[in-house]
Amino acid sequence: MWGPSMVGFGSYHFRYDSGREGDWFLLGFAPRKGDLSIYVMAGFEGRESQLARLGRHRKGKCCLYVRRLSDVELPVLEELLASSVADTRRRWHA
């Protein structure tokens, strides 16, 4: 658990150019009132093809929102999440 309502898998240490640093999960999710929030820490740049095939969703900078898992193509979601974890590990040497 990361806080009272977020479930995270794996972890990595980050340090920004500003000097801010911390530890965070590689991938996480949180059930919210209206949607399931899925935290895609690598963001969505370069993932337009996967998002186009995913199904019904909304997105923020690093957050994917789905009403229910049956609204999305699970193999595409798995592909998207696996590539995000790989990219985050590569970027932060996790």
PDB file of N, CA and C in Angstrom:
ATOM      1  N   MET A   1       0.846  -1.185   0.000  1.00  0.00           N
ATOM      2  CA  MET A   1       0.000   0.000   0.000  1.00  0.00           C
ATOM      3  C   MET A   1       0.886   1.242   0.000  1.00  0.00           C
ATOM      4  N   TRP A   2       0.503   2.196  -0.774  1.00  0.00           N
ATOM      5  CA  TRP A   2       1.175   3.494  -0.821  1.00  0.00           C
ATOM      6  C   TRP A   2       0.124   4.515  -0.424  1.00  0.00           C
ATOM      7  N   GLY A   3       0.094   4.841   0.831  1.00  0.00           N
ATOM      8  CA  GLY A   3      -0.958   5.707   1.334  1.00  0.00           C
ATOM      9  C   GLY A   3      -2.173   4.868   1.657  1.00  0.00           C
ATOM     10  N   PRO A   4      -3.285   5.514   1.937  1.00  0.00           N
ATOM     11  CA  PRO A   4      -4.470   4.783   2.386  1.00  0.00           C
ATOM     12  C   PRO A   4      -5.247   4.053   1.291  1.00  0.00           C
ATOM     13  N   SER A   5      -5.036   4.413   0.012  1.00  0.00           N
ATOM     14  CA  SER A   5      -5.905   3.824  -1.009  1.00  0.00           C
ATOM     15  C   SER A   5      -5.209   3.425  -2.298  1.00  0.00           C
ATOM     16  N   MET A   6      -3.896   3.529  -2.375  1.00  0.00           N
ATOM     17  CA  MET A   6      -3.189   3.194  -3.607  1.00  0.00           C
ATOM     18  C   MET A   6      -2.385   1.915  -3.415  1.00  0.00           C
ATOM     19  N   VAL A   7      -2.554   0.997  -4.354  1.00  0.00           N
ATOM     20  CA  VAL A   7      -1.792  -0.245  -4.346  1.00  0.00           C
ATOM     21  C   VAL A   7      -0.703  -0.099  -5.396  1.00  0.00           C
ATOM     22  N   GLY A   8       0.536  -0.331  -4.996  1.00  0.00           N
ATOM     23  CA  GLY A   8       1.644  -0.193  -5.922  1.00  0.00           C
ATOM     24  C   GLY A   8       2.448  -1.473  -6.003  1.00  0.00           C
ATOM     25  N   PHE A   9       3.059  -1.684  -7.137  1.00  0.00           N
ATOM     26  CA  PHE A   9       3.885  -2.861  -7.380  1.00  0.00           C
ATOM     27  C   PHE A   9       5.285  -2.405  -7.741  1.00  0.00           C
ATOM     28  N   GLY A  10       6.285  -3.031  -7.131  1.00  0.00           N
ATOM     29  CA  GLY A  10       7.658  -2.648  -7.384  1.00  0.00           C
ATOM     30  C   GLY A  10       7.944  -1.268  -6.813  1.00  0.00           C
ATOM     31  N   SER A  11       9.170  -0.836  -6.965  1.00  0.00           N
ATOM     32  CA  SER A  11       9.517   0.519  -6.534  1.00  0.00           C
ATOM     33  C   SER A  11      10.770   0.975  -7.272  1.00  0.00           C
ATOM     34  N   TYR A  12      10.960   2.280  -7.296  1.00  0.00           N
ATOM     35  CA  TYR A  12      12.163   2.861  -7.871  1.00  0.00           C
ATOM     36  C   TYR A  12      12.464   4.158  -7.141  1.00  0.00           C
ATOM     37  N   HIS A  13      13.705   4.548  -7.201  1.00  0.00           N
ATOM     38  CA  HIS A  13      14.138   5.803  -6.588  1.00  0.00           C
ATOM     39  C   HIS A  13      14.336   6.811  -7.706  1.00  0.00           C
ATOM     40  N   PHE A  14      13.794   8.021  -7.535  1.00  0.00           N
ATOM     41  CA  PHE A  14      13.954   9.060  -8.539  1.00  0.00           C
ATOM     42  C   PHE A  14      14.652  10.272  -7.932  1.00  0.00           C
ATOM     43  N   ARG A  15      15.339  11.006  -8.790  1.00  0.00           N
ATOM     44  CA  ARG A  15      15.953  12.275  -8.394  1.00  0.00           C
ATOM     45  C   ARG A  15      15.848  13.206  -9.596  1.00  0.00           C
ATOM     46  N   TYR A  16      15.116  14.301  -9.416  1.00  0.00           N
ATOM     47  CA  TYR A  16      14.943  15.278 -10.485  1.00  0.00           C
ATOM     48  C   TYR A  16      16.103  16.265 -10.498  1.00  0.00           C
ATOM     49  N   ASP A  17      16.244  16.992 -11.594  1.00  0.00           N
ATOM     50  CA  ASP A  17      17.290  18.009 -11.703  1.00  0.00           C
ATOM     51  C   ASP A  17      17.140  19.073 -10.616  1.00  0.00           C
ATOM     52  N   SER A  18      15.927  19.281 -10.140  1.00  0.00           N
ATOM     53  CA  SER A  18      15.674  20.277  -9.094  1.00  0.00           C
ATOM     54  C   SER A  18      16.247  19.851  -7.742  1.00  0.00           C
ATOM     55  N   GLY A  19      16.625  18.571  -7.635  1.00  0.00           N
ATOM     56  CA  GLY A  19      17.126  18.049  -6.367  1.00  0.00           C
ATOM     57  C   GLY A  19      16.087  17.250  -5.604  1.00  0.00           C
ATOM     58  N   ARG A  20      14.825  17.390  -5.987  1.00  0.00           N
ATOM     59  CA  ARG A  20      13.770  16.613  -5.333  1.00  0.00           C
ATOM     60  C   ARG A  20      13.984  15.138  -5.647  1.00  0.00           C
ATOM     61  N   GLU A  21      13.813  14.308  -4.646  1.00  0.00           N
ATOM     62  CA  GLU A  21      13.957  12.873  -4.851  1.00  0.00           C
ATOM     63  C   GLU A  21      13.012  12.115  -3.940  1.00  0.00           C
ATOM     64  N   GLY A  22      12.820  10.850  -4.261  1.00  0.00           N
ATOM     65  CA  GLY A  22      11.952  10.015  -3.450  1.00  0.00           C
ATOM     66  C   GLY A  22      11.858   8.611  -4.009  1.00  0.00           C
ATOM     67  N   ASP A  23      10.985   7.845  -3.418  1.00  0.00           N
ATOM     68  CA  ASP A  23      10.721   6.479  -3.861  1.00  0.00           C
ATOM     69  C   ASP A  23       9.256   6.384  -4.244  1.00  0.00           C
ATOM     70  N   TRP A  24       8.978   5.624  -5.280  1.00  0.00           N
ATOM     71  CA  TRP A  24       7.607   5.481  -5.749  1.00  0.00           C
ATOM     72  C   TRP A  24       7.440   4.107  -6.365  1.00  0.00           C
ATOM     73  N   PHE A  25       6.210   3.731  -6.650  1.00  0.00           N
ATOM     74  CA  PHE A  25       5.963   2.427  -7.250  1.00  0.00           C
ATOM     75  C   PHE A  25       6.173   2.460  -8.761  1.00  0.00           C
ATOM     76  N   LEU A  26       6.479   1.305  -9.342  1.00  0.00           N
ATOM     77  CA  LEU A  26       6.622   1.181 -10.790  1.00  0.00           C
ATOM     78  C   LEU A  26       5.273   1.218 -11.486  1.00  0.00           C
ATOM     79  N   LEU A  27       4.284   0.677 -10.833  1.00  0.00           N
ATOM     80  CA  LEU A  27       2.950   0.563 -11.391  1.00  0.00           C
ATOM     81  C   LEU A  27       1.972   0.522 -10.232  1.00  0.00           C
ATOM     82  N   GLY A  28       0.857   1.202 -10.361  1.00  0.00           N
ATOM     83  CA  GLY A  28      -0.090   1.196  -9.259  1.00  0.00           C
ATOM     84  C   GLY A  28      -1.525   1.377  -9.731  1.00  0.00           C
ATOM     85  N   PHE A  29      -2.439   1.169  -8.789  1.00  0.00           N
ATOM     86  CA  PHE A  29      -3.841   1.443  -9.086  1.00  0.00           C
ATOM     87  C   PHE A  29      -4.564   1.827  -7.807  1.00  0.00           C
ATOM     88  N   ALA A  30      -5.694   2.480  -8.018  1.00  0.00           N
ATOM     89  CA  ALA A  30      -6.520   2.871  -6.885  1.00  0.00           C
ATOM     90  C   ALA A  30      -7.975   2.884  -7.338  1.00  0.00           C
ATOM     91  N   PRO A  31      -8.841   2.227  -6.589  1.00  0.00           N
ATOM     92  CA  PRO A  31     -10.261   2.308  -6.905  1.00  0.00           C
ATOM     93  C   PRO A  31     -10.776   3.664  -6.440  1.00  0.00           C
ATOM     94  N   ARG A  32     -11.394   4.406  -7.326  1.00  0.00           N
ATOM     95  CA  ARG A  32     -11.965   5.708  -6.998  1.00  0.00           C
ATOM     96  C   ARG A  32     -13.473   5.641  -7.172  1.00  0.00           C
ATOM     97  N   LYS A  33     -14.144   6.663  -6.770  1.00  0.00           N
ATOM     98  CA  LYS A  33     -15.605   6.661  -6.799  1.00  0.00           C
ATOM     99  C   LYS A  33     -16.163   6.360  -8.198  1.00  0.00           C
ATOM    100  N   GLY A  34     -15.633   7.032  -9.213  1.00  0.00           N
ATOM    101  CA  GLY A  34     -16.186   6.854 -10.549  1.00  0.00           C
ATOM    102  C   GLY A  34     -15.377   5.974 -11.464  1.00  0.00           C
ATOM    103  N   ASP A  35     -14.091   5.845 -11.211  1.00  0.00           N
ATOM    104  CA  ASP A  35     -13.194   5.134 -12.120  1.00  0.00           C
ATOM    105  C   ASP A  35     -12.160   4.345 -11.342  1.00  0.00           C
ATOM    106  N   LEU A  36     -11.525   3.443 -12.042  1.00  0.00           N
ATOM    107  CA  LEU A  36     -10.328   2.780 -11.541  1.00  0.00           C
ATOM    108  C   LEU A  36      -9.161   3.593 -12.086  1.00  0.00           C
ATOM    109  N   SER A  37      -8.304   4.087 -11.214  1.00  0.00           N
ATOM    110  CA  SER A  37      -7.131   4.852 -11.633  1.00  0.00           C
ATOM    111  C   SER A  37      -5.943   3.906 -11.708  1.00  0.00           C
ATOM    112  N   ILE A  38      -5.298   3.881 -12.865  1.00  0.00           N
ATOM    113  CA  ILE A  38      -4.126   3.042 -13.076  1.00  0.00           C
ATOM    114  C   ILE A  38      -2.955   3.974 -13.346  1.00  0.00           C
ATOM    115  N   TYR A  39      -1.932   3.885 -12.506  1.00  0.00           N
ATOM    116  CA  TYR A  39      -0.793   4.788 -12.580  1.00  0.00           C
ATOM    117  C   TYR A  39       0.281   4.195 -13.483  1.00  0.00           C
ATOM    118  N   VAL A  40       0.491   4.850 -14.603  1.00  0.00           N
ATOM    119  CA  VAL A  40       1.445   4.435 -15.626  1.00  0.00           C
ATOM    120  C   VAL A  40       2.608   5.416 -15.526  1.00  0.00           C
ATOM    121  N   MET A  41       3.596   5.104 -14.703  1.00  0.00           N
ATOM    122  CA  MET A  41       4.608   6.071 -14.310  1.00  0.00           C
ATOM    123  C   MET A  41       5.463   6.576 -15.474  1.00  0.00           C
ATOM    124  N   ALA A  42       5.590   5.831 -16.539  1.00  0.00           N
ATOM    125  CA  ALA A  42       6.381   6.286 -17.680  1.00  0.00           C
ATOM    126  C   ALA A  42       5.597   7.260 -18.558  1.00  0.00           C
ATOM    127  N   GLY A  43       4.314   7.454 -18.275  1.00  0.00           N
ATOM    128  CA  GLY A  43       3.501   8.341 -19.091  1.00  0.00           C
ATOM    129  C   GLY A  43       3.038   7.667 -20.371  1.00  0.00           C
ATOM    130  N   PHE A  44       2.525   8.483 -21.299  1.00  0.00           N
ATOM    131  CA  PHE A  44       1.892   7.925 -22.495  1.00  0.00           C
ATOM    132  C   PHE A  44       2.548   8.340 -23.803  1.00  0.00           C
ATOM    133  N   GLU A  45       3.603   9.123 -23.739  1.00  0.00           N
ATOM    134  CA  GLU A  45       4.288   9.537 -24.953  1.00  0.00           C
ATOM    135  C   GLU A  45       4.811   8.307 -25.684  1.00  0.00           C
ATOM    136  N   GLY A  46       4.506   8.218 -26.973  1.00  0.00           N
ATOM    137  CA  GLY A  46       4.934   7.080 -27.779  1.00  0.00           C
ATOM    138  C   GLY A  46       4.036   5.862 -27.644  1.00  0.00           C
ATOM    139  N   ARG A  47       2.941   5.992 -26.923  1.00  0.00           N
ATOM    140  CA  ARG A  47       2.029   4.857 -26.714  1.00  0.00           C
ATOM    141  C   ARG A  47       0.662   5.077 -27.385  1.00  0.00           C
ATOM    142  N   GLU A  48       0.645   5.944 -28.381  1.00  0.00           N
ATOM    143  CA  GLU A  48      -0.611   6.277 -29.056  1.00  0.00           C
ATOM    144  C   GLU A  48      -1.259   5.056 -29.686  1.00  0.00           C
ATOM    145  N   SER A  49      -0.446   4.174 -30.267  1.00  0.00           N
ATOM    146  CA  SER A  49      -0.970   2.970 -30.900  1.00  0.00           C
ATOM    147  C   SER A  49      -1.665   2.070 -29.877  1.00  0.00           C
ATOM    148  N   GLN A  50      -1.039   1.888 -28.725  1.00  0.00           N
ATOM    149  CA  GLN A  50      -1.641   1.059 -27.678  1.00  0.00           C
ATOM    150  C   GLN A  50      -2.925   1.698 -27.165  1.00  0.00           C
ATOM    151  N   LEU A  51      -2.902   3.005 -26.945  1.00  0.00           N
ATOM    152  CA  LEU A  51      -4.097   3.691 -26.440  1.00  0.00           C
ATOM    153  C   LEU A  51      -5.252   3.608 -27.439  1.00  0.00           C
ATOM    154  N   ALA A  52      -4.937   3.669 -28.730  1.00  0.00           N
ATOM    155  CA  ALA A  52      -5.977   3.586 -29.761  1.00  0.00           C
ATOM    156  C   ALA A  52      -6.657   2.219 -29.754  1.00  0.00           C
ATOM    157  N   ARG A  53      -5.924   1.177 -29.364  1.00  0.00           N
ATOM    158  CA  ARG A  53      -6.470  -0.177 -29.341  1.00  0.00           C
ATOM    159  C   ARG A  53      -7.052  -0.567 -27.985  1.00  0.00           C
ATOM    160  N   LEU A  54      -6.846   0.272 -26.977  1.00  0.00           N
ATOM    161  CA  LEU A  54      -7.191  -0.089 -25.607  1.00  0.00           C
ATOM    162  C   LEU A  54      -8.680  -0.228 -25.348  1.00  0.00           C
ATOM    163  N   GLY A  55      -9.470   0.661 -25.895  1.00  0.00           N
ATOM    164  CA  GLY A  55     -10.896   0.680 -25.580  1.00  0.00           C
ATOM    165  C   GLY A  55     -11.224   1.952 -24.810  1.00  0.00           C
ATOM    166  N   ARG A  56     -12.368   1.948 -24.169  1.00  0.00           N
ATOM    167  CA  ARG A  56     -12.891   3.147 -23.511  1.00  0.00           C
ATOM    168  C   ARG A  56     -12.037   3.516 -22.285  1.00  0.00           C
ATOM    169  N   HIS A  57     -11.464   4.727 -22.322  1.00  0.00           N
ATOM    170  CA  HIS A  57     -10.608   5.193 -21.233  1.00  0.00           C
ATOM    171  C   HIS A  57     -10.463   6.715 -21.320  1.00  0.00           C
ATOM    172  N   ARG A  58      -9.934   7.290 -20.276  1.00  0.00           N
ATOM    173  CA  ARG A  58      -9.468   8.674 -20.252  1.00  0.00           C
ATOM    174  C   ARG A  58      -8.054   8.617 -19.699  1.00  0.00           C
ATOM    175  N   LYS A  59      -7.302   9.691 -19.918  1.00  0.00           N
ATOM    176  CA  LYS A  59      -5.945   9.683 -19.382  1.00  0.00           C
ATOM    177  C   LYS A  59      -5.551  11.065 -18.902  1.00  0.00           C
ATOM    178  N   GLY A  60      -4.642  11.063 -17.929  1.00  0.00           N
ATOM    179  CA  GLY A  60      -3.978  12.267 -17.468  1.00  0.00           C
ATOM    180  C   GLY A  60      -2.517  12.148 -17.848  1.00  0.00           C
ATOM    181  N   LYS A  61      -1.656  12.868 -17.155  1.00  0.00           N
ATOM    182  CA  LYS A  61      -0.236  12.832 -17.491  1.00  0.00           C
ATOM    183  C   LYS A  61       0.355  11.431 -17.307  1.00  0.00           C
ATOM    184  N   CYS A  62       0.084  10.807 -16.173  1.00  0.00           N
ATOM    185  CA  CYS A  62       0.588   9.457 -15.889  1.00  0.00           C
ATOM    186  C   CYS A  62      -0.513   8.558 -15.350  1.00  0.00           C
ATOM    187  N   CYS A  63      -1.739   8.941 -15.555  1.00  0.00           N
ATOM    188  CA  CYS A  63      -2.852   8.196 -14.977  1.00  0.00           C
ATOM    189  C   CYS A  63      -3.843   7.791 -16.065  1.00  0.00           C
ATOM    190  N   LEU A  64      -4.218   6.540 -16.038  1.00  0.00           N
ATOM    191  CA  LEU A  64      -5.200   6.001 -16.960  1.00  0.00           C
ATOM    192  C   LEU A  64      -6.469   5.751 -16.157  1.00  0.00           C
ATOM    193  N   TYR A  65      -7.596   6.235 -16.651  1.00  0.00           N
ATOM    194  CA  TYR A  65      -8.865   6.075 -15.947  1.00  0.00           C
ATOM    195  C   TYR A  65      -9.788   5.174 -16.760  1.00  0.00           C
ATOM    196  N   VAL A  66     -10.272   4.119 -16.143  1.00  0.00           N
ATOM    197  CA  VAL A  66     -11.250   3.249 -16.794  1.00  0.00           C
ATOM    198  C   VAL A  66     -12.424   3.044 -15.842  1.00  0.00           C
ATOM    199  N   ARG A  67     -13.613   2.995 -16.397  1.00  0.00           N
ATOM    200  CA  ARG A  67     -14.818   2.777 -15.590  1.00  0.00           C
ATOM    201  C   ARG A  67     -14.807   1.376 -14.997  1.00  0.00           C
ATOM    202  N   ARG A  68     -14.560   0.411 -15.885  1.00  0.00           N
ATOM    203  CA  ARG A  68     -14.496  -0.997 -15.456  1.00  0.00           C
ATOM    204  C   ARG A  68     -13.558  -1.725 -16.407  1.00  0.00           C
ATOM    205  N   LEU A  69     -12.956  -2.781 -15.923  1.00  0.00           N
ATOM    206  CA  LEU A  69     -11.997  -3.510 -16.748  1.00  0.00           C
ATOM    207  C   LEU A  69     -12.625  -4.101 -18.007  1.00  0.00           C
ATOM    208  N   SER A  70     -13.908  -4.372 -17.962  1.00  0.00           N
ATOM    209  CA  SER A  70     -14.577  -4.922 -19.143  1.00  0.00           C
ATOM    210  C   SER A  70     -14.672  -3.884 -20.278  1.00  0.00           C
ATOM    211  N   ASP A  71     -14.370  -2.614 -20.006  1.00  0.00           N
ATOM    212  CA  ASP A  71     -14.386  -1.568 -21.035  1.00  0.00           C
ATOM    213  C   ASP A  71     -13.114  -1.553 -21.879  1.00  0.00           C
ATOM    214  N   VAL A  72     -12.083  -2.269 -21.449  1.00  0.00           N
ATOM    215  CA  VAL A  72     -10.811  -2.218 -22.167  1.00  0.00           C
ATOM    216  C   VAL A  72     -10.397  -3.615 -22.624  1.00  0.00           C
ATOM    217  N   GLU A  73      -9.513  -3.624 -23.592  1.00  0.00           N
ATOM    218  CA  GLU A  73      -8.935  -4.869 -24.087  1.00  0.00           C
ATOM    219  C   GLU A  73      -7.798  -5.248 -23.134  1.00  0.00           C
ATOM    220  N   LEU A  74      -7.989  -6.295 -22.346  1.00  0.00           N
ATOM    221  CA  LEU A  74      -7.006  -6.657 -21.325  1.00  0.00           C
ATOM    222  C   LEU A  74      -5.623  -6.978 -21.884  1.00  0.00           C
ATOM    223  N   PRO A  75      -5.501  -7.663 -23.042  1.00  0.00           N
ATOM    224  CA  PRO A  75      -4.145  -7.892 -23.575  1.00  0.00           C
ATOM    225  C   PRO A  75      -3.427  -6.585 -23.923  1.00  0.00           C
ATOM    226  N   VAL A  76      -4.165  -5.587 -24.394  1.00  0.00           N
ATOM    227  CA  VAL A  76      -3.565  -4.291 -24.719  1.00  0.00           C
ATOM    228  C   VAL A  76      -3.170  -3.568 -23.434  1.00  0.00           C
ATOM    229  N   LEU A  77      -4.009  -3.637 -22.409  1.00  0.00           N
ATOM    230  CA  LEU A  77      -3.677  -3.042 -21.114  1.00  0.00           C
ATOM    231  C   LEU A  77      -2.415  -3.680 -20.551  1.00  0.00           C
ATOM    232  N   GLU A  78      -2.318  -4.997 -20.644  1.00  0.00           N
ATOM    233  CA  GLU A  78      -1.129  -5.704 -20.160  1.00  0.00           C
ATOM    234  C   GLU A  78       0.121  -5.253 -20.917  1.00  0.00           C
ATOM    235  N   GLU A  79       0.013  -5.122 -22.223  1.00  0.00           N
ATOM    236  CA  GLU A  79       1.125  -4.664 -23.060  1.00  0.00           C
ATOM    237  C   GLU A  79       1.545  -3.239 -22.667  1.00  0.00           C
ATOM    238  N   LEU A  80       0.570  -2.374 -22.459  1.00  0.00           N
ATOM    239  CA  LEU A  80       0.828  -0.987 -22.076  1.00  0.00           C
ATOM    240  C   LEU A  80       1.536  -0.910 -20.725  1.00  0.00           C
ATOM    241  N   LEU A  81       1.059  -1.678 -19.763  1.00  0.00           N
ATOM    242  CA  LEU A  81       1.640  -1.651 -18.426  1.00  0.00           C
ATOM    243  C   LEU A  81       3.041  -2.258 -18.413  1.00  0.00           C
ATOM    244  N   ALA A  82       3.244  -3.341 -19.141  1.00  0.00           N
ATOM    245  CA  ALA A  82       4.569  -3.967 -19.205  1.00  0.00           C
ATOM    246  C   ALA A  82       5.583  -3.018 -19.840  1.00  0.00           C
ATOM    247  N   SER A  83       5.183  -2.314 -20.885  1.00  0.00           N
ATOM    248  CA  SER A  83       6.126  -1.387 -21.525  1.00  0.00           C
ATOM    249  C   SER A  83       6.407  -0.192 -20.618  1.00  0.00           C
ATOM    250  N   SER A  84       5.433   0.238 -19.835  1.00  0.00           N
ATOM    251  CA  SER A  84       5.650   1.328 -18.884  1.00  0.00           C
ATOM    252  C   SER A  84       6.652   0.929 -17.807  1.00  0.00           C
ATOM    253  N   VAL A  85       6.499  -0.270 -17.260  1.00  0.00           N
ATOM    254  CA  VAL A  85       7.432  -0.752 -16.233  1.00  0.00           C
ATOM    255  C   VAL A  85       8.838  -0.852 -16.813  1.00  0.00           C
ATOM    256  N   ALA A  86       8.961  -1.390 -18.006  1.00  0.00           N
ATOM    257  CA  ALA A  86      10.284  -1.519 -18.643  1.00  0.00           C
ATOM    258  C   ALA A  86      10.913  -0.147 -18.871  1.00  0.00           C
ATOM    259  N   ASP A  87      10.135   0.812 -19.340  1.00  0.00           N
ATOM    260  CA  ASP A  87      10.665   2.154 -19.578  1.00  0.00           C
ATOM    261  C   ASP A  87      11.069   2.839 -18.277  1.00  0.00           C
ATOM    262  N   THR A  88      10.271   2.677 -17.228  1.00  0.00           N
ATOM    263  CA  THR A  88      10.597   3.289 -15.935  1.00  0.00           C
ATOM    264  C   THR A  88      11.866   2.673 -15.367  1.00  0.00           C
ATOM    265  N   ARG A  89      11.986   1.370 -15.459  1.00  0.00           N
ATOM    266  CA  ARG A  89      13.213   0.703 -14.983  1.00  0.00           C
ATOM    267  C   ARG A  89      14.438   1.185 -15.750  1.00  0.00           C
ATOM    268  N   ARG A  90      14.288   1.334 -17.043  1.00  0.00           N
ATOM    269  CA  ARG A  90      15.402   1.788 -17.887  1.00  0.00           C
ATOM    270  C   ARG A  90      15.802   3.227 -17.525  1.00  0.00           C
ATOM    271  N   ARG A  91      14.802   4.084 -17.372  1.00  0.00           N
ATOM    272  CA  ARG A  91      15.077   5.498 -17.084  1.00  0.00           C
ATOM    273  C   ARG A  91      15.715   5.710 -15.721  1.00  0.00           C
ATOM    274  N   TRP A  92      15.223   5.005 -14.711  1.00  0.00           N
ATOM    275  CA  TRP A  92      15.660   5.240 -13.331  1.00  0.00           C
ATOM    276  C   TRP A  92      16.590   4.143 -12.832  1.00  0.00           C
ATOM    277  N   HIS A  93      16.996   3.224 -13.688  1.00  0.00           N
ATOM    278  CA  HIS A  93      17.909   2.154 -13.301  1.00  0.00           C
ATOM    279  C   HIS A  93      17.363   1.355 -12.111  1.00  0.00           C
ATOM    280  N   ALA A  94      16.070   1.075 -12.182  1.00  0.00           N
ATOM    281  CA  ALA A  94      15.402   0.362 -11.077  1.00  0.00           C
ATOM    282  C   ALA A  94      15.508  -1.142 -11.258  1.00  0.00           C
TER     283      ALA A  94
END
